[in-house]
Amino acid sequence: MPDPRIKEILQQLESHNRHEAWTAFLREYGPLILQVVRNFERNPDDTADCFQVICEGLVANRFRRLRKFRLDGSASFSTWLRAVVRNLCLDWQRRKFGRVRVFRSVSRLPLFDQEVFRCAYQQGLSNEECQHELNQKFPEVTSEGIKASLDRIEAALSVRQRSLLIARLNESKNGKSVVLDTELQLARVSDPRPDPESQAITHEQERVLARALSSIPVQDQLLIRMRFEEDLTLEQCARLLALGNAQKADRRIKEILERLRHQLS
């Protein structure tokens, strides 16, 4: 039996409704793609990057890969898509093998922000030291400009990426701890071992939350999973779900969370 709506989606991919078709495709098959990716990448950061690369591969050349599917073929679209995604996962692993991976979110930022990232996050320099370091290359650099750049970098990085960078900086060559100015802005949450009663309460809260999540539209579920389970940045979420920009993705997430709070209350 053919997968629901795939004929309509494939037809729309060849029309002027490509944007709507891609959104519908992610709503229907985004969870399937994530499931396949998790079989190849256990690290959440790698999972997020691999998922994005796969989506870019499916979009490339006006959805050339997706348009290769034949409705009159012997395989269902879900089975066919799993095979395509597995091949893209293998390509992803071949490309990254043996290489030092650079955060994609940082590589897409303007050159000035990349240089601020190098000084602040890789070298652990203070804002003042960053300004002095960048003065020759960017004569007009100011303290306010660096602070604005750090805000943009902070928005682009995922929680896991920030934690990883801080961990790396705290491992100095001589065992001396290096502390970022921006680290002071990050919340530190203690994680004591819970007692049995607390565990029971937590499990019940998780069950209630899972039921609430299952009641919202699939695309909203996918957005929440991308942001909080896969740890994608707002920019990545906006791009993959065709939400326009990071600000719109952030507003959408806040609307979903507010709706969930109201439902749970």
C-alpha atoms as a PDB file:
ATOM      1  CA  MET A   1       0.000   0.000   0.000  1.00  0.00           C
ATOM      2  CA  PRO A   2       1.488   3.403  -0.944  1.00  0.00           C
ATOM      3  CA  ASP A   3       2.431   5.768   1.870  1.00  0.00           C
ATOM      4  CA  PRO A   4      -0.207   8.425   2.621  1.00  0.00           C
ATOM      5  CA  ARG A   5       0.173  11.736   0.828  1.00  0.00           C
ATOM      6  CA  ILE A   6       3.508  10.891  -0.829  1.00  0.00           C
ATOM      7  CA  LYS A   7       2.041  11.141  -4.331  1.00  0.00           C
ATOM      8  CA  GLU A   8       0.726  14.614  -3.562  1.00  0.00           C
ATOM      9  CA  ILE A   9       4.011  15.674  -1.948  1.00  0.00           C
ATOM     10  CA  LEU A  10       6.104  14.481  -4.895  1.00  0.00           C
ATOM     11  CA  GLN A  11       3.857  16.300  -7.334  1.00  0.00           C
ATOM     12  CA  GLN A  12       4.114  19.508  -5.312  1.00  0.00           C
ATOM     13  CA  LEU A  13       7.915  19.259  -5.250  1.00  0.00           C
ATOM     14  CA  GLU A  14       7.827  19.810  -9.002  1.00  0.00           C
ATOM     15  CA  SER A  15       5.433  22.766  -8.759  1.00  0.00           C
ATOM     16  CA  HIS A  16       5.467  26.269  -7.312  1.00  0.00           C
ATOM     17  CA  ASN A  17       4.409  24.796  -3.958  1.00  0.00           C
ATOM     18  CA  ARG A  18       7.838  23.326  -3.223  1.00  0.00           C
ATOM     19  CA  HIS A  19       8.089  25.160   0.103  1.00  0.00           C
ATOM     20  CA  GLU A  20       4.799  23.707   1.367  1.00  0.00           C
ATOM     21  CA  ALA A  21       5.698  20.274   0.006  1.00  0.00           C
ATOM     22  CA  TRP A  22       9.031  20.212   1.858  1.00  0.00           C
ATOM     23  CA  THR A  23       7.299  21.244   5.085  1.00  0.00           C
ATOM     24  CA  ALA A  24       4.745  18.460   4.604  1.00  0.00           C
ATOM     25  CA  PHE A  25       7.531  15.984   3.853  1.00  0.00           C
ATOM     26  CA  LEU A  26       9.395  16.825   7.079  1.00  0.00           C
ATOM     27  CA  ARG A  27       6.176  16.581   9.057  1.00  0.00           C
ATOM     28  CA  GLU A  28       5.465  13.103   7.681  1.00  0.00           C
ATOM     29  CA  TYR A  29       8.967  11.629   7.396  1.00  0.00           C
ATOM     30  CA  GLY A  30      11.249  13.668   9.663  1.00  0.00           C
ATOM     31  CA  PRO A  31      10.863  11.159  12.540  1.00  0.00           C
ATOM     32  CA  LEU A  32      11.754   8.287  10.185  1.00  0.00           C
ATOM     33  CA  ILE A  33      14.929  10.082   9.069  1.00  0.00           C
ATOM     34  CA  LEU A  34      15.927  10.728  12.687  1.00  0.00           C
ATOM     35  CA  GLN A  35      15.365   7.071  13.518  1.00  0.00           C
ATOM     36  CA  VAL A  36      17.723   5.935  10.765  1.00  0.00           C
ATOM     37  CA  VAL A  37      20.337   8.547  11.671  1.00  0.00           C
ATOM     38  CA  ARG A  38      20.387   7.361  15.291  1.00  0.00           C
ATOM     39  CA  ASN A  39      21.424   3.894  14.070  1.00  0.00           C
ATOM     40  CA  PHE A  40      24.616   5.458  12.702  1.00  0.00           C
ATOM     41  CA  GLU A  41      25.287   8.316  15.119  1.00  0.00           C
ATOM     42  CA  ARG A  42      24.878   7.903  18.871  1.00  0.00           C
ATOM     43  CA  ASN A  43      26.416  11.257  19.746  1.00  0.00           C
ATOM     44  CA  PRO A  44      23.612  13.885  19.855  1.00  0.00           C
ATOM     45  CA  ASP A  45      25.839  16.542  18.307  1.00  0.00           C
ATOM     46  CA  ASP A  46      26.768  14.246  15.407  1.00  0.00           C
ATOM     47  CA  THR A  47      23.132  13.190  15.052  1.00  0.00           C
ATOM     48  CA  ALA A  48      22.059  16.800  14.610  1.00  0.00           C
ATOM     49  CA  ASP A  49      24.764  17.549  12.042  1.00  0.00           C
ATOM     50  CA  CYS A  50      24.105  14.319  10.130  1.00  0.00           C
ATOM     51  CA  PHE A  51      20.349  14.998  10.062  1.00  0.00           C
ATOM     52  CA  GLN A  52      20.977  18.455   8.627  1.00  0.00           C
ATOM     53  CA  VAL A  53      23.382  17.144   5.968  1.00  0.00           C
ATOM     54  CA  ILE A  54      20.837  14.513   4.925  1.00  0.00           C
ATOM     55  CA  CYS A  55      18.095  17.127   4.585  1.00  0.00           C
ATOM     56  CA  GLU A  56      20.423  19.274   2.506  1.00  0.00           C
ATOM     57  CA  GLY A  57      21.121  16.246   0.321  1.00  0.00           C
ATOM     58  CA  LEU A  58      17.408  15.599  -0.185  1.00  0.00           C
ATOM     59  CA  VAL A  59      16.780  19.251  -1.084  1.00  0.00           C
ATOM     60  CA  ALA A  60      19.760  19.527  -3.463  1.00  0.00           C
ATOM     61  CA  ASN A  61      19.155  19.953  -7.202  1.00  0.00           C
ATOM     62  CA  ARG A  62      15.446  20.660  -6.761  1.00  0.00           C
ATOM     63  CA  PHE A  63      14.818  17.498  -4.692  1.00  0.00           C
ATOM     64  CA  ARG A  64      16.450  15.277  -7.302  1.00  0.00           C
ATOM     65  CA  ARG A  65      16.782  12.277  -4.952  1.00  0.00           C
ATOM     66  CA  LEU A  66      13.170  12.389  -3.811  1.00  0.00           C
ATOM     67  CA  ARG A  67      11.878  12.773  -7.352  1.00  0.00           C
ATOM     68  CA  LYS A  68      13.624   9.522  -8.312  1.00  0.00           C
ATOM     69  CA  PHE A  69      11.064   7.510  -6.347  1.00  0.00           C
ATOM     70  CA  ARG A  70       8.615   5.595  -8.542  1.00  0.00           C
ATOM     71  CA  LEU A  71       5.090   5.271  -7.284  1.00  0.00           C
ATOM     72  CA  ASP A  72       4.583   2.139  -9.369  1.00  0.00           C
ATOM     73  CA  GLY A  73       7.669   0.433  -7.930  1.00  0.00           C
ATOM     74  CA  SER A  74       7.662  -2.614  -5.694  1.00  0.00           C
ATOM     75  CA  ALA A  75       8.915  -0.855  -2.535  1.00  0.00           C
ATOM     76  CA  SER A  76       6.894   1.503  -0.357  1.00  0.00           C
ATOM     77  CA  PHE A  77       8.166   5.053  -0.029  1.00  0.00           C
ATOM     78  CA  SER A  78       9.127   4.507   3.634  1.00  0.00           C
ATOM     79  CA  THR A  79      11.252   1.482   2.738  1.00  0.00           C
ATOM     80  CA  TRP A  80      12.828   3.318  -0.191  1.00  0.00           C
ATOM     81  CA  LEU A  81      13.510   6.425   1.930  1.00  0.00           C
ATOM     82  CA  ARG A  82      15.225   4.364   4.636  1.00  0.00           C
ATOM     83  CA  ALA A  83      17.648   3.016   2.033  1.00  0.00           C
ATOM     84  CA  VAL A  84      18.367   6.499   0.679  1.00  0.00           C
ATOM     85  CA  VAL A  85      18.964   7.911   4.167  1.00  0.00           C
ATOM     86  CA  ARG A  86      21.252   4.993   5.068  1.00  0.00           C
ATOM     87  CA  ASN A  87      23.381   5.720   1.999  1.00  0.00           C
ATOM     88  CA  LEU A  88      23.560   9.400   2.895  1.00  0.00           C
ATOM     89  CA  CYS A  89      24.583   8.457   6.444  1.00  0.00           C
ATOM     90  CA  LEU A  90      27.414   6.341   5.044  1.00  0.00           C
ATOM     91  CA  ASP A  91      28.533   9.262   2.866  1.00  0.00           C
ATOM     92  CA  TRP A  92      28.458  11.506   5.931  1.00  0.00           C
ATOM     93  CA  GLN A  93      30.644   9.107   7.918  1.00  0.00           C
ATOM     94  CA  ARG A  94      33.144   8.787   5.061  1.00  0.00           C
ATOM     95  CA  ARG A  95      33.489  12.557   4.810  1.00  0.00           C
ATOM     96  CA  LYS A  96      34.053  13.119   8.509  1.00  0.00           C
ATOM     97  CA  PHE A  97      36.334  10.101   9.118  1.00  0.00           C
ATOM     98  CA  GLY A  98      39.842  11.133  10.041  1.00  0.00           C
ATOM     99  CA  ARG A  99      39.032  14.838  10.068  1.00  0.00           C
ATOM    100  CA  VAL A 100      38.702  17.338  12.882  1.00  0.00           C
ATOM    101  CA  ARG A 101      35.099  18.400  12.738  1.00  0.00           C
ATOM    102  CA  VAL A 102      34.338  22.113  12.886  1.00  0.00           C
ATOM    103  CA  PHE A 103      30.965  23.180  14.208  1.00  0.00           C
ATOM    104  CA  ARG A 104      28.822  23.847  11.158  1.00  0.00           C
ATOM    105  CA  SER A 105      26.899  26.526  13.020  1.00  0.00           C
ATOM    106  CA  VAL A 106      30.130  28.487  13.544  1.00  0.00           C
ATOM    107  CA  SER A 107      31.419  28.011  10.001  1.00  0.00           C
ATOM    108  CA  ARG A 108      28.263  29.681   8.653  1.00  0.00           C
ATOM    109  CA  LEU A 109      28.765  32.833  10.738  1.00  0.00           C
ATOM    110  CA  PRO A 110      30.417  35.994   9.307  1.00  0.00           C
ATOM    111  CA  LEU A 111      34.237  36.084   9.305  1.00  0.00           C
ATOM    112  CA  PHE A 112      34.337  38.532  12.223  1.00  0.00           C
ATOM    113  CA  ASP A 113      32.203  36.217  14.375  1.00  0.00           C
ATOM    114  CA  GLN A 114      34.408  33.257  13.457  1.00  0.00           C
ATOM    115  CA  GLU A 115      37.474  35.208  14.613  1.00  0.00           C
ATOM    116  CA  VAL A 116      35.726  36.168  17.866  1.00  0.00           C
ATOM    117  CA  PHE A 117      34.846  32.492  18.327  1.00  0.00           C
ATOM    118  CA  ARG A 118      38.520  31.541  17.847  1.00  0.00           C
ATOM    119  CA  CYS A 119      39.682  34.087  20.420  1.00  0.00           C
ATOM    120  CA  ALA A 120      36.947  33.676  23.032  1.00  0.00           C
ATOM    121  CA  TYR A 121      35.952  30.025  22.763  1.00  0.00           C
ATOM    122  CA  GLN A 122      39.115  28.350  21.498  1.00  0.00           C
ATOM    123  CA  GLN A 123      41.766  30.463  23.203  1.00  0.00           C
ATOM    124  CA  GLY A 124      39.768  31.509  26.269  1.00  0.00           C
ATOM    125  CA  LEU A 125      40.563  35.214  25.935  1.00  0.00           C
ATOM    126  CA  SER A 126      38.575  37.853  27.797  1.00  0.00           C
ATOM    127  CA  ASN A 127      36.552  40.473  25.906  1.00  0.00           C
ATOM    128  CA  GLU A 128      39.362  43.010  26.342  1.00  0.00           C
ATOM    129  CA  GLU A 129      41.968  40.510  25.152  1.00  0.00           C
ATOM    130  CA  CYS A 130      39.781  39.623  22.167  1.00  0.00           C
ATOM    131  CA  GLN A 131      39.587  43.292  21.206  1.00  0.00           C
ATOM    132  CA  HIS A 132      43.360  43.643  21.387  1.00  0.00           C
ATOM    133  CA  GLU A 133      43.884  40.418  19.428  1.00  0.00           C
ATOM    134  CA  LEU A 134      41.493  41.417  16.643  1.00  0.00           C
ATOM    135  CA  ASN A 135      42.500  45.074  16.430  1.00  0.00           C
ATOM    136  CA  GLN A 136      44.977  44.605  13.586  1.00  0.00           C
ATOM    137  CA  LYS A 137      42.631  42.612  11.401  1.00  0.00           C
ATOM    138  CA  PHE A 138      39.528  44.631  12.326  1.00  0.00           C
ATOM    139  CA  PRO A 139      40.696  48.195  13.195  1.00  0.00           C
ATOM    140  CA  GLU A 140      37.134  49.327  13.926  1.00  0.00           C
ATOM    141  CA  VAL A 141      36.486  46.615  16.515  1.00  0.00           C
ATOM    142  CA  THR A 142      34.888  47.778  19.761  1.00  0.00           C
ATOM    143  CA  SER A 143      33.961  46.144  23.035  1.00  0.00           C
ATOM    144  CA  GLU A 144      30.281  46.496  22.115  1.00  0.00           C
ATOM    145  CA  GLY A 145      30.941  44.833  18.754  1.00  0.00           C
ATOM    146  CA  ILE A 146      32.568  41.856  20.442  1.00  0.00           C
ATOM    147  CA  LYS A 147      29.689  41.536  22.898  1.00  0.00           C
ATOM    148  CA  ALA A 148      27.203  41.571  20.002  1.00  0.00           C
ATOM    149  CA  SER A 149      29.280  38.949  18.208  1.00  0.00           C
ATOM    150  CA  LEU A 150      29.318  36.741  21.322  1.00  0.00           C
ATOM    151  CA  ASP A 151      25.527  36.994  21.461  1.00  0.00           C
ATOM    152  CA  ARG A 152      25.300  35.784  17.845  1.00  0.00           C
ATOM    153  CA  ILE A 153      27.715  32.938  18.547  1.00  0.00           C
ATOM    154  CA  GLU A 154      25.789  31.981  21.683  1.00  0.00           C
ATOM    155  CA  ALA A 155      22.570  31.799  19.661  1.00  0.00           C
ATOM    156  CA  ALA A 156      24.225  29.617  17.011  1.00  0.00           C
ATOM    157  CA  LEU A 157      25.782  27.104  19.422  1.00  0.00           C
ATOM    158  CA  SER A 158      23.829  24.250  20.914  1.00  0.00           C
ATOM    159  CA  VAL A 159      23.882  23.496  24.631  1.00  0.00           C
ATOM    160  CA  ARG A 160      26.097  20.478  24.033  1.00  0.00           C
ATOM    161  CA  GLN A 161      28.544  22.457  21.906  1.00  0.00           C
ATOM    162  CA  ARG A 162      28.916  25.137  24.573  1.00  0.00           C
ATOM    163  CA  SER A 163      29.503  22.515  27.247  1.00  0.00           C
ATOM    164  CA  LEU A 164      32.082  20.777  25.073  1.00  0.00           C
ATOM    165  CA  LEU A 165      33.943  24.028  24.416  1.00  0.00           C
ATOM    166  CA  ILE A 166      34.027  24.878  28.112  1.00  0.00           C
ATOM    167  CA  ALA A 167      35.327  21.398  28.935  1.00  0.00           C
ATOM    168  CA  ARG A 168      38.096  21.784  26.369  1.00  0.00           C
ATOM    169  CA  LEU A 169      39.086  25.207  27.666  1.00  0.00           C
ATOM    170  CA  ASN A 170      39.251  23.934  31.220  1.00  0.00           C
ATOM    171  CA  GLU A 171      41.923  21.439  30.149  1.00  0.00           C
ATOM    172  CA  SER A 172      44.950  23.734  29.918  1.00  0.00           C
ATOM    173  CA  LYS A 173      48.349  22.456  28.852  1.00  0.00           C
ATOM    174  CA  ASN A 174      49.786  22.766  32.357  1.00  0.00           C
ATOM    175  CA  GLY A 175      46.686  21.702  34.234  1.00  0.00           C
ATOM    176  CA  LYS A 176      45.718  25.296  34.934  1.00  0.00           C
ATOM    177  CA  SER A 177      42.004  25.976  34.584  1.00  0.00           C
ATOM    178  CA  VAL A 178      40.930  28.504  31.945  1.00  0.00           C
ATOM    179  CA  VAL A 179      37.571  30.227  32.455  1.00  0.00           C
ATOM    180  CA  LEU A 180      35.575  32.022  29.761  1.00  0.00           C
ATOM    181  CA  ASP A 181      33.771  35.282  30.457  1.00  0.00           C
ATOM    182  CA  THR A 182      30.773  33.767  28.669  1.00  0.00           C
ATOM    183  CA  GLU A 183      30.874  30.731  30.930  1.00  0.00           C
ATOM    184  CA  LEU A 184      29.543  32.905  33.726  1.00  0.00           C
ATOM    185  CA  GLN A 185      26.391  33.353  31.662  1.00  0.00           C
ATOM    186  CA  LEU A 186      25.671  29.622  31.521  1.00  0.00           C
ATOM    187  CA  ALA A 187      23.427  28.029  34.101  1.00  0.00           C
ATOM    188  CA  ARG A 188      25.016  25.318  36.204  1.00  0.00           C
ATOM    189  CA  VAL A 189      22.491  22.687  37.222  1.00  0.00           C
ATOM    190  CA  SER A 190      23.376  20.192  39.945  1.00  0.00           C
ATOM    191  CA  ASP A 191      22.480  16.583  39.288  1.00  0.00           C
ATOM    192  CA  PRO A 192      22.332  14.741  42.627  1.00  0.00           C
ATOM    193  CA  ARG A 193      21.199  11.138  42.658  1.00  0.00           C
ATOM    194  CA  PRO A 194      17.443  11.238  43.322  1.00  0.00           C
ATOM    195  CA  ASP A 195      15.785   9.217  46.028  1.00  0.00           C
ATOM    196  CA  PRO A 196      13.109   6.606  45.072  1.00  0.00           C
ATOM    197  CA  GLU A 197      10.223   8.969  45.810  1.00  0.00           C
ATOM    198  CA  SER A 198      11.717  11.687  43.607  1.00  0.00           C
ATOM    199  CA  GLN A 199      12.312   9.139  40.862  1.00  0.00           C
ATOM    200  CA  ALA A 200       8.665   8.031  40.979  1.00  0.00           C
ATOM    201  CA  ILE A 201       7.495  11.651  40.740  1.00  0.00           C
ATOM    202  CA  THR A 202       9.864  12.304  37.853  1.00  0.00           C
ATOM    203  CA  HIS A 203       8.668   9.237  35.953  1.00  0.00           C
ATOM    204  CA  GLU A 204       5.041  10.254  36.397  1.00  0.00           C
ATOM    205  CA  GLN A 205       5.835  13.778  35.181  1.00  0.00           C
ATOM    206  CA  GLU A 206       7.561  12.292  32.130  1.00  0.00           C
ATOM    207  CA  ARG A 207       4.517  10.168  31.335  1.00  0.00           C
ATOM    208  CA  VAL A 208       2.189  13.153  31.629  1.00  0.00           C
ATOM    209  CA  LEU A 209       4.467  15.257  29.438  1.00  0.00           C
ATOM    210  CA  ALA A 210       4.700  12.485  26.830  1.00  0.00           C
ATOM    211  CA  ARG A 211       0.904  12.336  26.619  1.00  0.00           C
ATOM    212  CA  ALA A 212       0.726  16.110  26.225  1.00  0.00           C
ATOM    213  CA  LEU A 213       3.349  16.072  23.468  1.00  0.00           C
ATOM    214  CA  SER A 214       1.487  13.368  21.572  1.00  0.00           C
ATOM    215  CA  SER A 215      -1.568  15.621  21.405  1.00  0.00           C
ATOM    216  CA  ILE A 216       0.115  18.476  19.489  1.00  0.00           C
ATOM    217  CA  PRO A 217       0.660  18.541  15.707  1.00  0.00           C
ATOM    218  CA  VAL A 218       3.430  16.302  14.366  1.00  0.00           C
ATOM    219  CA  GLN A 219       5.448  19.243  13.042  1.00  0.00           C
ATOM    220  CA  ASP A 220       5.415  20.863  16.479  1.00  0.00           C
ATOM    221  CA  GLN A 221       6.517  17.571  18.031  1.00  0.00           C
ATOM    222  CA  LEU A 222       9.390  17.410  15.548  1.00  0.00           C
ATOM    223  CA  LEU A 223      10.419  20.987  16.343  1.00  0.00           C
ATOM    224  CA  ILE A 224      10.503  20.251  20.081  1.00  0.00           C
ATOM    225  CA  ARG A 225      12.488  17.047  19.508  1.00  0.00           C
ATOM    226  CA  MET A 226      14.991  18.811  17.258  1.00  0.00           C
ATOM    227  CA  ARG A 227      15.556  21.602  19.762  1.00  0.00           C
ATOM    228  CA  PHE A 228      15.562  19.716  23.070  1.00  0.00           C
ATOM    229  CA  GLU A 229      16.364  16.078  22.203  1.00  0.00           C
ATOM    230  CA  GLU A 230      18.667  16.470  19.204  1.00  0.00           C
ATOM    231  CA  ASP A 231      20.021  19.794  20.554  1.00  0.00           C
ATOM    232  CA  LEU A 232      19.837  21.589  17.211  1.00  0.00           C
ATOM    233  CA  THR A 233      20.301  25.344  17.211  1.00  0.00           C
ATOM    234  CA  LEU A 234      17.388  27.675  16.504  1.00  0.00           C
ATOM    235  CA  GLU A 235      18.932  28.444  13.131  1.00  0.00           C
ATOM    236  CA  GLN A 236      19.081  24.753  12.227  1.00  0.00           C
ATOM    237  CA  CYS A 237      15.488  24.194  13.360  1.00  0.00           C
ATOM    238  CA  ALA A 238      14.285  27.134  11.289  1.00  0.00           C
ATOM    239  CA  ARG A 239      16.116  25.927   8.216  1.00  0.00           C
ATOM    240  CA  LEU A 240      15.056  22.296   8.408  1.00  0.00           C
ATOM    241  CA  LEU A 241      11.403  23.055   9.143  1.00  0.00           C
ATOM    242  CA  ALA A 242      11.169  26.025   6.786  1.00  0.00           C
ATOM    243  CA  LEU A 243      10.272  28.435   9.589  1.00  0.00           C
ATOM    244  CA  GLY A 244      12.042  31.410   8.056  1.00  0.00           C
ATOM    245  CA  ASN A 245      14.681  32.342  10.646  1.00  0.00           C
ATOM    246  CA  ALA A 246      15.907  31.625  14.172  1.00  0.00           C
ATOM    247  CA  GLN A 247      13.660  34.279  15.697  1.00  0.00           C
ATOM    248  CA  LYS A 248      10.541  32.707  14.191  1.00  0.00           C
ATOM    249  CA  ALA A 249      11.635  29.273  15.368  1.00  0.00           C
ATOM    250  CA  ASP A 250      12.176  30.654  18.867  1.00  0.00           C
ATOM    251  CA  ARG A 251       8.723  32.257  18.908  1.00  0.00           C
ATOM    252  CA  ARG A 252       7.153  29.035  17.659  1.00  0.00           C
ATOM    253  CA  ILE A 253       8.853  27.003  20.392  1.00  0.00           C
ATOM    254  CA  LYS A 254       7.685  29.457  23.043  1.00  0.00           C
ATOM    255  CA  GLU A 255       4.128  29.229  21.716  1.00  0.00           C
ATOM    256  CA  ILE A 256       4.255  25.418  21.844  1.00  0.00           C
ATOM    257  CA  LEU A 257       5.682  25.410  25.378  1.00  0.00           C
ATOM    258  CA  GLU A 258       3.060  27.883  26.545  1.00  0.00           C
ATOM    259  CA  ARG A 259       0.316  25.698  25.055  1.00  0.00           C
ATOM    260  CA  LEU A 260       1.786  22.656  26.805  1.00  0.00           C
ATOM    261  CA  ARG A 261       1.984  24.533  30.130  1.00  0.00           C
ATOM    262  CA  HIS A 262      -1.642  25.523  29.816  1.00  0.00           C
ATOM    263  CA  GLN A 263      -2.628  21.954  28.956  1.00  0.00           C
ATOM    264  CA  LEU A 264      -0.657  20.473  31.846  1.00  0.00           C
ATOM    265  CA  SER A 265      -2.037  22.990  34.322  1.00  0.00           C
END
